[in-house]
Amino acid sequence: MQVRVRYFAGARAAAGVEEEKIDLDDAGAQTVAVLMDLLGLRHGPELTRVLAACTFLVDEIAAPPERELRDGVQVDVLPPFAGG
């Protein structure tokens, strides 16, 4: 199963890429939480720290960590934004 991950703001800086395609193992349920763990392992502790505060959108809809993923979805990684 493959998902497209897009990073924004501080998540983009921590990951070092704007977007990437991730292959997830097809055995068992794959969730946003599993993807977060994989991304942290792939990009290191700085991204792991940022991911803990992020919101995730799956195909443009807010998704909790337990949300199951399916092949071909787009996951957006949105850190908290400040502004006024």
Protein backbone atom coordinates (compact mmCIF):
# COMPACT_ATOMS: atom_id res chain seq x y z
CA MET A 1 0.00 0.00 0.00
CA GLN A 2 1.31 3.43 -0.88
CA VAL A 3 0.32 6.83 0.54
CA ARG A 4 1.35 10.32 -0.48
CA VAL A 5 2.53 12.50 2.42
CA ARG A 6 2.68 16.30 2.15
CA TYR A 7 4.46 18.34 4.83
CA PHE A 8 3.70 21.95 5.71
CA ALA A 9 5.59 24.69 7.60
CA GLY A 10 7.69 23.31 10.48
CA ALA A 11 6.93 19.72 9.51
CA ARG A 12 8.41 20.39 6.07
CA ALA A 13 11.54 21.86 7.63
CA ALA A 14 11.92 18.92 10.04
CA ALA A 15 11.37 16.29 7.33
CA GLY A 16 13.61 18.03 4.82
CA VAL A 17 11.16 17.33 1.99
CA GLU A 18 7.93 18.88 0.75
CA GLU A 19 6.27 15.57 -0.03
CA GLU A 20 7.02 11.90 -0.48
CA LYS A 21 5.40 8.58 -1.25
CA ILE A 22 5.52 6.02 1.54
CA ASP A 23 5.09 2.28 1.12
CA LEU A 24 3.29 0.71 4.08
CA ASP A 25 3.31 -3.01 4.79
CA ASP A 26 0.05 -4.62 3.66
CA ALA A 27 -0.12 -6.95 6.68
CA GLY A 28 -2.74 -5.76 9.14
CA ALA A 29 -4.42 -2.41 9.56
CA GLN A 30 -2.35 0.65 8.74
CA THR A 31 -3.30 3.81 10.58
CA VAL A 32 -2.22 7.42 10.85
CA ALA A 33 -0.38 6.45 14.07
CA VAL A 34 1.59 3.72 12.26
CA LEU A 35 2.48 6.23 9.55
CA MET A 36 3.61 8.76 12.20
CA ASP A 37 5.93 6.16 13.73
CA LEU A 38 7.39 5.31 10.33
CA LEU A 39 7.93 8.96 9.43
CA GLY A 40 9.69 9.58 12.75
CA LEU A 41 12.02 6.63 12.15
CA ARG A 42 12.69 7.78 8.60
CA HIS A 43 13.41 11.45 9.34
CA GLY A 44 14.63 11.48 12.94
CA PRO A 45 13.85 12.93 16.36
CA GLU A 46 13.17 16.49 15.21
CA LEU A 47 10.28 15.35 13.02
CA THR A 48 9.07 12.99 15.76
CA ARG A 49 8.82 16.00 18.11
CA VAL A 50 6.94 18.06 15.50
CA LEU A 51 4.56 15.19 14.66
CA ALA A 52 3.40 15.03 18.29
CA ALA A 53 1.79 18.47 17.85
CA CYS A 54 0.51 18.04 14.29
CA THR A 55 -2.94 17.66 12.83
CA PHE A 56 -3.34 15.14 10.03
CA LEU A 57 -5.69 15.35 7.08
CA VAL A 58 -6.49 12.22 5.08
CA ASP A 59 -7.79 13.20 1.67
CA GLU A 60 -8.46 16.69 3.09
CA ILE A 61 -10.49 15.51 6.12
CA ALA A 62 -9.14 15.75 9.68
CA ALA A 63 -8.12 12.31 10.90
CA PRO A 64 -7.37 10.96 14.39
CA PRO A 65 -4.35 8.67 14.93
CA GLU A 66 -6.53 5.55 14.83
CA ARG A 67 -7.88 6.37 11.35
CA GLU A 68 -7.14 3.49 8.97
CA LEU A 69 -5.40 4.30 5.73
CA ARG A 70 -6.00 2.76 2.33
CA ASP A 71 -3.89 2.62 -0.80
CA GLY A 72 -3.52 5.89 -2.66
CA VAL A 73 -4.67 8.31 0.04
CA GLN A 74 -3.04 11.68 0.58
CA VAL A 75 -1.96 12.56 4.11
CA ASP A 76 -1.23 16.20 4.94
CA VAL A 77 0.93 16.92 7.99
CA LEU A 78 -0.04 20.28 9.51
CA PRO A 79 1.83 21.67 12.51
CA PRO A 80 0.12 24.31 14.66
CA PHE A 81 0.00 27.70 12.98
CA ALA A 82 0.15 31.08 14.67
CA GLY A 83 -1.19 34.24 13.20
CA GLY A 84 -3.67 36.95 13.45
